[in-house]
């Protein structure tokens, strides 16, 4: 798993629109890169709703929210439509990025993404890592950390 102080591993994955999105395209912004197990499941829906609810606060801090799971582009598209999500969800069906970020888990014999989050600064360095997060208040935790760090960086 990448550690605080390391450069975030670069990647390009397809979004819910089926378009390739690379981590490098967010240079100059804070990135909340969160890995989650499965579209449209209870915990993942709560986590996504909270990030969506707080999205304006993240945008004020010059931050983008990017979710990654091993679900397909179509699954992400359905999840976004069903739950009115308008931030980026990336599909890692090959599980390469999930593995590179030390977030590949196993649930009932299925390879899924563990619920981990990486806060990446505008220069592409990892500044905070959360593992096994509680989806019900994770957005607030990340926002609190981001606000504190944004104050140090400005």
C-alpha atoms as a PDB file:
ATOM      1  CA  UNK A   1       0.000   0.000   0.000  1.00  0.00           C
ATOM      2  CA  UNK A   2       1.378   3.448  -0.894  1.00  0.00           C
ATOM      3  CA  UNK A   3       2.328   5.472   2.181  1.00  0.00           C
ATOM      4  CA  UNK A   4       2.085   9.118   3.233  1.00  0.00           C
ATOM      5  CA  UNK A   5       4.850  11.121   1.561  1.00  0.00           C
ATOM      6  CA  UNK A   6       5.030   8.893  -1.519  1.00  0.00           C
ATOM      7  CA  UNK A   7       4.021   9.994  -5.008  1.00  0.00           C
ATOM      8  CA  UNK A   8       0.574   8.525  -5.732  1.00  0.00           C
ATOM      9  CA  UNK A   9       0.841   5.714  -8.313  1.00  0.00           C
ATOM     10  CA  UNK A  10      -0.363   7.018 -11.676  1.00  0.00           C
ATOM     11  CA  UNK A  11      -3.197   5.293 -13.537  1.00  0.00           C
ATOM     12  CA  UNK A  12      -5.851   5.694 -16.224  1.00  0.00           C
ATOM     13  CA  UNK A  13      -9.263   4.015 -15.886  1.00  0.00           C
ATOM     14  CA  UNK A  14     -12.657   4.461 -17.556  1.00  0.00           C
ATOM     15  CA  UNK A  15     -15.280   6.601 -15.820  1.00  0.00           C
ATOM     16  CA  UNK A  16     -19.020   5.996 -15.635  1.00  0.00           C
ATOM     17  CA  UNK A  17     -19.200   7.806 -19.020  1.00  0.00           C
ATOM     18  CA  UNK A  18     -16.825   5.231 -20.514  1.00  0.00           C
ATOM     19  CA  UNK A  19     -14.114   7.883 -20.947  1.00  0.00           C
ATOM     20  CA  UNK A  20     -10.512   7.358 -19.805  1.00  0.00           C
ATOM     21  CA  UNK A  21      -9.597   9.443 -16.761  1.00  0.00           C
ATOM     22  CA  UNK A  22      -6.031   9.626 -15.482  1.00  0.00           C
ATOM     23  CA  UNK A  23      -4.875  10.627 -12.033  1.00  0.00           C
ATOM     24  CA  UNK A  24      -2.456  13.075 -13.687  1.00  0.00           C
ATOM     25  CA  UNK A  25      -5.395  15.022 -15.157  1.00  0.00           C
ATOM     26  CA  UNK A  26      -6.160  16.272 -11.623  1.00  0.00           C
ATOM     27  CA  UNK A  27      -2.706  17.843 -11.033  1.00  0.00           C
ATOM     28  CA  UNK A  28      -3.104  21.171  -9.269  1.00  0.00           C
ATOM     29  CA  UNK A  29      -6.121  19.907  -7.306  1.00  0.00           C
ATOM     30  CA  UNK A  30      -6.504  17.855  -4.161  1.00  0.00           C
ATOM     31  CA  UNK A  31      -7.786  14.358  -4.934  1.00  0.00           C
ATOM     32  CA  UNK A  32      -9.918  12.258  -2.603  1.00  0.00           C
ATOM     33  CA  UNK A  33      -9.267   8.804  -4.084  1.00  0.00           C
ATOM     34  CA  UNK A  34     -11.566   6.338  -2.399  1.00  0.00           C
ATOM     35  CA  UNK A  35     -11.834   2.614  -3.020  1.00  0.00           C
ATOM     36  CA  UNK A  36     -15.108   0.865  -2.257  1.00  0.00           C
ATOM     37  CA  UNK A  37     -16.427  -2.697  -2.545  1.00  0.00           C
ATOM     38  CA  UNK A  38     -19.583  -2.644  -4.703  1.00  0.00           C
ATOM     39  CA  UNK A  39     -21.997  -0.294  -6.461  1.00  0.00           C
ATOM     40  CA  UNK A  40     -25.518  -0.052  -5.008  1.00  0.00           C
ATOM     41  CA  UNK A  41     -24.764  -1.873  -1.741  1.00  0.00           C
ATOM     42  CA  UNK A  42     -25.762  -0.297   1.569  1.00  0.00           C
ATOM     43  CA  UNK A  43     -22.386   0.908   2.872  1.00  0.00           C
ATOM     44  CA  UNK A  44     -21.171   2.052  -0.533  1.00  0.00           C
ATOM     45  CA  UNK A  45     -24.392   3.963  -1.188  1.00  0.00           C
ATOM     46  CA  UNK A  46     -24.149   5.730   2.201  1.00  0.00           C
ATOM     47  CA  UNK A  47     -20.513   6.642   1.529  1.00  0.00           C
ATOM     48  CA  UNK A  48     -21.275   7.917  -2.003  1.00  0.00           C
ATOM     49  CA  UNK A  49     -24.316   9.922  -0.812  1.00  0.00           C
ATOM     50  CA  UNK A  50     -22.216  11.620   1.874  1.00  0.00           C
ATOM     51  CA  UNK A  51     -19.472  12.529  -0.612  1.00  0.00           C
ATOM     52  CA  UNK A  52     -22.172  13.834  -2.970  1.00  0.00           C
ATOM     53  CA  UNK A  53     -23.771  15.849  -0.136  1.00  0.00           C
ATOM     54  CA  UNK A  54     -20.405  17.423   0.756  1.00  0.00           C
ATOM     55  CA  UNK A  55     -19.179  17.868  -2.824  1.00  0.00           C
ATOM     56  CA  UNK A  56     -19.573  21.679  -2.789  1.00  0.00           C
ATOM     57  CA  UNK A  57     -17.436  21.855   0.360  1.00  0.00           C
ATOM     58  CA  UNK A  58     -14.752  19.747  -1.331  1.00  0.00           C
ATOM     59  CA  UNK A  59     -14.886  21.945  -4.447  1.00  0.00           C
ATOM     60  CA  UNK A  60     -14.361  25.046  -2.263  1.00  0.00           C
ATOM     61  CA  UNK A  61     -11.129  23.394  -1.039  1.00  0.00           C
ATOM     62  CA  UNK A  62     -10.021  22.768  -4.664  1.00  0.00           C
ATOM     63  CA  UNK A  63     -10.648  19.024  -4.258  1.00  0.00           C
ATOM     64  CA  UNK A  64     -12.159  16.385  -6.524  1.00  0.00           C
ATOM     65  CA  UNK A  65     -13.761  13.144  -5.368  1.00  0.00           C
ATOM     66  CA  UNK A  66     -12.883   9.991  -7.303  1.00  0.00           C
ATOM     67  CA  UNK A  67     -14.347   6.603  -6.397  1.00  0.00           C
ATOM     68  CA  UNK A  68     -12.844   3.319  -7.626  1.00  0.00           C
ATOM     69  CA  UNK A  69     -14.298  -0.185  -7.537  1.00  0.00           C
ATOM     70  CA  UNK A  70     -13.979  -3.346  -9.611  1.00  0.00           C
ATOM     71  CA  UNK A  71     -17.519  -2.864 -10.967  1.00  0.00           C
ATOM     72  CA  UNK A  72     -18.079  -2.285 -14.691  1.00  0.00           C
ATOM     73  CA  UNK A  73     -18.582   1.082 -16.386  1.00  0.00           C
ATOM     74  CA  UNK A  74     -22.265   0.140 -16.902  1.00  0.00           C
ATOM     75  CA  UNK A  75     -22.675  -0.651 -13.207  1.00  0.00           C
ATOM     76  CA  UNK A  76     -21.170   2.755 -12.334  1.00  0.00           C
ATOM     77  CA  UNK A  77     -23.476   4.459 -14.836  1.00  0.00           C
ATOM     78  CA  UNK A  78     -26.524   2.802 -13.221  1.00  0.00           C
ATOM     79  CA  UNK A  79     -25.300   3.660  -9.695  1.00  0.00           C
ATOM     80  CA  UNK A  80     -24.816   7.333 -10.658  1.00  0.00           C
ATOM     81  CA  UNK A  81     -28.231   7.527 -12.344  1.00  0.00           C
ATOM     82  CA  UNK A  82     -30.072   5.737  -9.530  1.00  0.00           C
ATOM     83  CA  UNK A  83     -28.422   7.766  -6.754  1.00  0.00           C
ATOM     84  CA  UNK A  84     -27.897  11.143  -8.514  1.00  0.00           C
ATOM     85  CA  UNK A  85     -24.116  10.985  -8.173  1.00  0.00           C
ATOM     86  CA  UNK A  86     -22.182  13.471 -10.287  1.00  0.00           C
ATOM     87  CA  UNK A  87     -18.589  12.908  -9.225  1.00  0.00           C
ATOM     88  CA  UNK A  88     -16.205  10.534 -11.001  1.00  0.00           C
ATOM     89  CA  UNK A  89     -16.446   6.781 -10.479  1.00  0.00           C
ATOM     90  CA  UNK A  90     -13.751   4.688 -12.130  1.00  0.00           C
ATOM     91  CA  UNK A  91     -14.007   1.065 -13.209  1.00  0.00           C
ATOM     92  CA  UNK A  92     -11.060  -1.210 -12.405  1.00  0.00           C
ATOM     93  CA  UNK A  93     -12.389  -4.541 -13.664  1.00  0.00           C
ATOM     94  CA  UNK A  94      -8.812  -5.814 -14.125  1.00  0.00           C
ATOM     95  CA  UNK A  95      -8.160  -4.979 -10.430  1.00  0.00           C
ATOM     96  CA  UNK A  96      -4.728  -3.519 -11.268  1.00  0.00           C
ATOM     97  CA  UNK A  97      -5.136  -0.098  -9.627  1.00  0.00           C
ATOM     98  CA  UNK A  98      -6.976  -1.557  -6.633  1.00  0.00           C
ATOM     99  CA  UNK A  99      -4.032  -3.945  -6.138  1.00  0.00           C
ATOM    100  CA  UNK A 100      -1.417  -1.219  -6.706  1.00  0.00           C
ATOM    101  CA  UNK A 101      -3.041   0.814  -3.921  1.00  0.00           C
ATOM    102  CA  UNK A 102      -2.988  -2.179  -1.555  1.00  0.00           C
ATOM    103  CA  UNK A 103      -6.776  -2.246  -1.538  1.00  0.00           C
ATOM    104  CA  UNK A 104      -7.604  -5.612  -3.119  1.00  0.00           C
ATOM    105  CA  UNK A 105      -9.764  -7.643  -0.789  1.00  0.00           C
ATOM    106  CA  UNK A 106     -11.632 -10.905  -0.806  1.00  0.00           C
ATOM    107  CA  UNK A 107     -15.289 -11.211   0.117  1.00  0.00           C
ATOM    108  CA  UNK A 108     -16.985 -14.594  -0.068  1.00  0.00           C
ATOM    109  CA  UNK A 109     -14.491 -15.710  -2.702  1.00  0.00           C
ATOM    110  CA  UNK A 110     -14.862 -12.563  -4.840  1.00  0.00           C
ATOM    111  CA  UNK A 111     -12.024 -10.115  -5.376  1.00  0.00           C
ATOM    112  CA  UNK A 112     -13.297  -6.645  -4.455  1.00  0.00           C
ATOM    113  CA  UNK A 113     -11.861  -3.317  -3.372  1.00  0.00           C
ATOM    114  CA  UNK A 114     -11.392  -2.762   0.338  1.00  0.00           C
ATOM    115  CA  UNK A 115     -12.773   0.484   1.739  1.00  0.00           C
ATOM    116  CA  UNK A 116      -9.614   2.629   1.789  1.00  0.00           C
ATOM    117  CA  UNK A 117      -9.115   6.314   0.980  1.00  0.00           C
ATOM    118  CA  UNK A 118      -6.055   8.282  -0.124  1.00  0.00           C
ATOM    119  CA  UNK A 119      -5.852  12.060   0.109  1.00  0.00           C
ATOM    120  CA  UNK A 120      -3.489  13.283  -2.613  1.00  0.00           C
ATOM    121  CA  UNK A 121      -2.126  16.835  -2.651  1.00  0.00           C
ATOM    122  CA  UNK A 122      -2.034  19.098  -5.761  1.00  0.00           C
ATOM    123  CA  UNK A 123       1.541  17.917  -6.526  1.00  0.00           C
ATOM    124  CA  UNK A 124       0.449  14.253  -6.570  1.00  0.00           C
ATOM    125  CA  UNK A 125       1.826  13.208  -3.163  1.00  0.00           C
ATOM    126  CA  UNK A 126      -0.171  11.098  -0.721  1.00  0.00           C
ATOM    127  CA  UNK A 127      -0.735  13.137   2.444  1.00  0.00           C
ATOM    128  CA  UNK A 128      -3.193  10.917   4.346  1.00  0.00           C
ATOM    129  CA  UNK A 129      -4.426   7.316   4.177  1.00  0.00           C
ATOM    130  CA  UNK A 130      -7.538   5.839   5.786  1.00  0.00           C
ATOM    131  CA  UNK A 131      -8.092   2.077   5.876  1.00  0.00           C
ATOM    132  CA  UNK A 132     -11.263   0.131   6.722  1.00  0.00           C
ATOM    133  CA  UNK A 133     -13.262   3.350   6.861  1.00  0.00           C
ATOM    134  CA  UNK A 134     -16.725   3.733   8.356  1.00  0.00           C
ATOM    135  CA  UNK A 135     -18.849   4.922   5.413  1.00  0.00           C
ATOM    136  CA  UNK A 136     -21.397   6.726   7.599  1.00  0.00           C
ATOM    137  CA  UNK A 137     -19.066   9.589   8.585  1.00  0.00           C
ATOM    138  CA  UNK A 138     -16.051   9.188   6.313  1.00  0.00           C
ATOM    139  CA  UNK A 139     -16.796  12.219   4.110  1.00  0.00           C
ATOM    140  CA  UNK A 140     -16.666  14.495   7.175  1.00  0.00           C
ATOM    141  CA  UNK A 141     -13.357  12.909   8.305  1.00  0.00           C
ATOM    142  CA  UNK A 142     -11.775  13.544   4.916  1.00  0.00           C
ATOM    143  CA  UNK A 143     -13.138  17.085   4.735  1.00  0.00           C
ATOM    144  CA  UNK A 144     -11.750  17.898   8.194  1.00  0.00           C
ATOM    145  CA  UNK A 145      -8.290  16.591   7.224  1.00  0.00           C
ATOM    146  CA  UNK A 146      -8.409  18.373   3.867  1.00  0.00           C
ATOM    147  CA  UNK A 147      -9.379  21.706   5.427  1.00  0.00           C
ATOM    148  CA  UNK A 148      -6.509  21.431   7.911  1.00  0.00           C
ATOM    149  CA  UNK A 149      -3.997  20.566   5.174  1.00  0.00           C
ATOM    150  CA  UNK A 150      -5.282  23.169   2.740  1.00  0.00           C
ATOM    151  CA  UNK A 151      -4.625  25.730   5.495  1.00  0.00           C
ATOM    152  CA  UNK A 152      -1.013  24.496   5.786  1.00  0.00           C
ATOM    153  CA  UNK A 153      -0.478  24.536   2.011  1.00  0.00           C
ATOM    154  CA  UNK A 154      -1.833  28.016   1.298  1.00  0.00           C
END
